[in-house]
Protein backbone atom coordinates (compact mmCIF):
# COMPACT_ATOMS: atom_id res chain seq x y z
CA ARG A 1 -29.17 108.78 8.00
CA TYR A 2 -28.13 107.20 11.31
CA SER A 3 -24.46 108.13 11.12
CA SER A 4 -23.03 110.45 13.80
CA ASP A 5 -26.27 110.63 15.79
CA GLY A 6 -24.58 109.59 19.03
CA ASP A 7 -25.92 106.00 18.98
CA CYS A 8 -24.30 102.89 17.51
CA ASP A 9 -26.96 101.67 15.06
CA ASP A 10 -25.27 98.94 12.93
CA GLY A 11 -26.13 95.88 15.07
CA GLY A 12 -22.50 95.08 15.92
CA PRO A 13 -20.98 94.45 19.37
CA GLY A 14 -22.00 97.18 21.80
CA SER A 15 -24.57 98.68 19.44
CA GLU A 16 -27.84 100.11 20.73
CA TYR A 17 -29.83 99.50 17.54
CA SER A 18 -29.77 97.58 14.22
CA PHE A 19 -31.05 100.30 11.93
CA CYS A 20 -28.21 100.13 9.36
CA ARG A 21 -25.73 97.73 7.78
CA ARG A 22 -22.71 96.58 9.82
CA GLY A 23 -19.77 98.96 9.34
CA THR A 24 -21.79 101.92 8.06
CA ASP A 25 -21.98 103.80 11.37
CA CYS A 26 -18.26 104.04 12.11
CA ALA A 27 -18.47 107.45 13.77
CA ASP A 28 -20.66 106.09 16.57
CA CYS A 29 -19.57 102.44 16.68
CA THR A 30 -15.77 102.76 16.73
CA PRO A 31 -14.54 101.80 20.19
CA PRO A 32 -12.75 104.59 22.08
CA LEU A 33 -8.96 104.60 22.00
CA PRO A 34 -7.32 103.23 25.14
CA ALA A 35 -6.09 105.78 27.65
CA PRO A 36 -2.37 106.59 27.33
CA PRO A 37 -0.11 104.95 29.92
CA PRO A 38 0.78 107.04 32.98
CA PRO A 39 4.10 108.90 32.83
CA PRO A 40 7.04 106.88 34.14
CA HIS A 41 7.98 107.37 37.78
CA MET A 42 11.40 108.64 38.71
CA PRO A 43 13.55 105.52 39.11
CA GLN A 44 14.35 104.63 42.70
CA CYS A 45 17.94 104.62 43.90
CA ALA A 46 19.07 101.41 45.58
CA VAL A 47 22.18 102.69 47.35
CA PRO A 48 23.57 102.54 50.92
CA LEU A 49 22.67 105.97 52.26
CA GLU A 50 22.12 107.87 55.50
CA LEU A 51 19.96 110.86 54.49
CA ILE A 52 18.78 113.48 56.97
CA LEU A 53 16.25 116.01 55.74
CA VAL A 54 16.62 119.31 57.65
CA ILE A 55 13.43 121.23 56.94
CA ASP A 56 12.61 124.87 57.64
CA GLU A 57 9.42 124.93 59.70
CA SER A 58 9.43 128.67 60.41
CA GLY A 59 6.32 130.83 60.01
CA SER A 60 7.30 132.05 56.54
CA MET A 61 6.86 128.48 55.28
CA TYR A 62 3.18 128.41 56.23
CA PRO A 63 1.85 129.31 52.73
CA PHE A 64 3.92 126.46 51.26
CA ALA A 65 3.14 123.78 53.86
CA SER A 66 1.20 121.43 51.58
CA ARG A 67 3.81 121.77 48.83
CA VAL A 68 6.63 121.05 51.28
CA ARG A 69 4.86 117.87 52.38
CA ALA A 70 4.47 116.79 48.75
CA LEU A 71 8.12 117.57 48.03
CA LEU A 72 9.30 115.57 51.05
CA GLN A 73 7.19 112.62 49.94
CA SER A 74 8.75 112.85 46.48
CA ILE A 75 12.27 112.91 47.90
CA VAL A 76 11.63 109.91 50.14
CA ALA A 77 10.14 108.03 47.19
CA GLN A 78 13.43 108.38 45.28
CA PHE A 79 15.07 105.74 47.46
CA VAL A 80 14.69 102.07 48.22
CA LEU A 81 14.57 101.85 52.00
CA GLY A 82 16.25 98.92 53.71
CA PRO A 83 18.82 97.94 56.36
CA SER A 84 21.55 97.68 53.71
CA LEU A 85 20.18 100.49 51.52
CA ALA A 86 18.72 103.90 52.39
CA ARG A 87 17.77 105.12 55.85
CA ILE A 88 16.10 108.52 56.12
CA GLY A 89 15.63 110.84 59.10
CA ILE A 90 13.77 114.16 59.36
CA VAL A 91 14.72 117.20 61.46
CA GLU A 92 12.44 120.24 61.48
CA PHE A 93 13.51 123.64 62.75
CA SER A 94 12.00 127.03 63.48
CA SER A 95 12.89 128.84 66.73
CA THR A 96 13.97 125.42 68.00
CA SER A 97 14.63 122.11 66.30
CA ARG A 98 13.04 118.72 66.73
CA VAL A 99 13.55 115.23 65.39
CA ALA A 100 10.38 114.36 63.49
CA ALA A 101 11.77 110.93 62.56
CA PRO A 102 15.12 109.29 63.44
CA LEU A 103 17.07 107.48 60.76
CA THR A 104 14.68 104.72 59.73
CA VAL A 105 13.68 102.33 56.96
CA ASP A 106 10.03 102.60 58.01
CA ALA A 107 8.17 104.41 55.20
CA ALA A 108 5.01 104.69 57.31
CA ARG A 109 6.93 106.45 60.09
CA LEU A 110 8.40 108.91 57.60
CA ALA A 111 4.94 109.55 56.12
CA THR A 112 3.57 110.29 59.60
CA ALA A 113 6.40 112.73 60.26
CA ILE A 114 5.77 114.50 56.96
CA ARG A 115 2.05 114.82 57.70
CA GLY A 116 2.98 116.46 61.04
CA TYR A 117 4.81 119.35 59.35
CA ARG A 118 3.29 122.54 60.86
CA PRO A 119 5.18 125.83 60.21
CA GLY A 120 5.43 128.58 62.84
CA GLY A 121 8.10 130.61 64.65
CA LEU A 122 11.44 132.17 63.67
CA THR A 123 14.34 130.64 61.71
CA ALA A 124 17.26 128.88 63.43
CA ILE A 125 19.03 126.97 60.65
CA SER A 126 21.97 126.37 62.97
CA ARG A 127 19.83 124.39 65.40
CA GLY A 128 18.51 122.20 62.61
CA LEU A 129 22.00 121.44 61.32
CA LEU A 130 23.35 120.64 64.80
CA SER A 131 20.40 118.33 65.45
CA ALA A 132 21.23 116.50 62.22
CA GLU A 133 24.85 116.11 63.35
CA LEU A 134 23.67 114.71 66.67
CA MET A 135 21.47 112.22 64.83
CA LEU A 136 24.48 111.02 62.85
CA ARG A 137 26.59 110.82 66.01
CA SER A 138 23.94 108.90 67.93
CA ALA A 139 22.95 106.42 65.22
CA ASN A 140 24.75 103.23 64.30
CA ILE A 141 26.12 104.66 61.05
CA ARG A 142 27.22 102.12 58.44
CA PRO A 143 30.75 102.75 57.17
CA GLU A 144 29.80 101.91 53.57
CA ALA A 145 26.85 104.33 53.48
CA ARG A 146 27.04 107.81 52.02
CA GLN A 147 26.02 110.47 54.56
CA ILE A 148 23.95 113.40 53.33
CA ILE A 149 22.34 116.27 55.21
CA LEU A 150 19.79 118.01 52.98
CA LEU A 151 18.77 121.51 54.12
CA LEU A 152 15.59 123.03 52.68
CA THR A 153 14.85 126.67 53.58
CA ASP A 154 13.14 129.76 52.21
CA GLY A 155 14.94 132.38 54.26
CA VAL A 156 17.91 133.47 56.34
CA GLN A 157 18.72 132.78 59.96
CA SER A 158 16.92 135.15 62.33
CA ARG A 159 19.11 137.77 64.01
CA ALA A 160 17.87 136.58 67.38
CA TYR A 161 19.86 133.37 66.75
CA GLY A 162 23.02 134.97 65.42
CA GLY A 163 22.02 135.55 61.80
CA ASP A 164 23.55 133.78 58.83
CA ARG A 165 26.99 133.79 60.43
CA ALA A 166 25.74 131.39 63.10
CA ALA A 167 24.19 129.11 60.45
CA ILE A 168 27.49 128.97 58.54
CA ALA A 169 29.41 128.29 61.76
CA ALA A 170 27.02 125.42 62.59
CA ALA A 171 27.67 123.88 59.16
CA ASP A 172 31.42 124.10 59.83
CA THR A 173 30.87 122.37 63.18
CA VAL A 174 28.96 119.56 61.47
CA ARG A 175 31.83 119.03 59.03
CA SER A 176 34.46 119.02 61.77
CA ARG A 177 32.53 116.44 63.80
CA GLN A 178 31.31 114.37 60.83
CA PRO A 179 34.01 114.56 58.12
CA ARG A 180 32.16 112.08 55.88
CA ALA A 181 28.91 114.03 55.94
CA GLU A 182 27.98 116.06 52.86
CA ILE A 183 25.69 119.05 53.23
CA PHE A 184 23.32 119.93 50.39
CA ALA A 185 21.45 123.24 50.64
CA VAL A 186 18.21 123.85 48.77
CA GLY A 187 16.74 127.33 48.79
CA PHE A 188 13.75 129.14 47.37
CA GLY A 189 11.88 132.37 48.05
CA GLY A 190 14.04 134.71 50.14
CA ALA A 191 16.90 132.27 50.75
CA ALA A 192 20.34 133.90 50.41
CA GLU A 193 22.24 131.87 47.83
CA GLN A 194 25.63 133.08 49.06
CA THR A 195 24.80 131.80 52.55
CA LEU A 196 23.65 128.47 51.14
CA ARG A 197 26.94 128.14 49.27
CA ARG A 198 28.92 128.76 52.43
CA ILE A 199 26.79 126.23 54.30
CA ALA A 200 27.27 123.57 51.61
CA GLN A 201 30.80 124.66 50.62
CA GLN A 202 30.44 123.04 47.21
CA ILE A 203 28.65 124.84 44.39
CA ASP A 204 27.22 121.60 43.00
CA HIS A 205 25.68 120.91 46.42
CA VAL A 206 23.46 124.01 46.20
CA ARG A 207 20.08 123.99 44.49
CA ARG A 208 17.73 126.89 43.89
CA LEU A 209 14.07 126.08 43.35
CA GLU A 210 11.85 128.51 41.50
CA THR A 211 8.79 126.52 42.49
CA LEU A 212 7.74 124.05 45.17
CA GLU A 213 5.45 122.11 42.85
CA SER A 214 6.46 118.60 43.89
CA ASP A 215 7.26 117.09 40.45
CA ASP A 216 9.50 119.94 39.28
CA ALA A 217 11.10 120.40 42.68
CA ALA A 218 11.84 116.69 43.15
CA GLU A 219 13.68 116.66 39.81
CA GLY A 220 15.85 119.50 41.13
CA VAL A 221 16.54 117.71 44.42
CA GLN A 222 17.89 114.35 43.29
CA MET A 223 20.29 113.17 45.98
CA GLY A 224 20.91 109.74 44.55
CA GLU A 225 23.13 110.88 41.71
């Protein structure tokens, strides 16, 4: 009679009423199952690393701004920051380039730089790459640390700045000045994969993202391998 009426009626722990014998109102008195555990986080990499994120901040990135911020946060979260471990810097480029954060172990400073991402302007990949090289040249780089420049872009270099040929030439300049630096190129949208390959010069250093949803994209941009 009282079973499955939405109230626990058997007088047991947590029951509202004592209208029926203990154990006869199981549908209403069974405690809810515990919530499943959250999915595991991507394991952090504890490695000596100098990582510079070179991020396209041109106007075409405006529709993706919030997703880019989430992706950058996911990439930063892959690494254990520390004086003997990972240092991360951020360069943003559009018509010009700017250092949003120098190489640092300060997670709060990186988070502030990521929140300041505001797309607008044309695309000068070459200026972003050369700013990254200058950051490596100016910083006290640790000889044991791997050096990675990670380029993220959705397009090609604007003709006003020499087109893709200038972007490729800038990547060559980075390699000639910083022989230990590895360039990874990550493209999506209208990015020219052939240009990205020539910028990175190694096929396994090129990634193509079909989406900027942060979880899927972060799995495709794992620099700690």
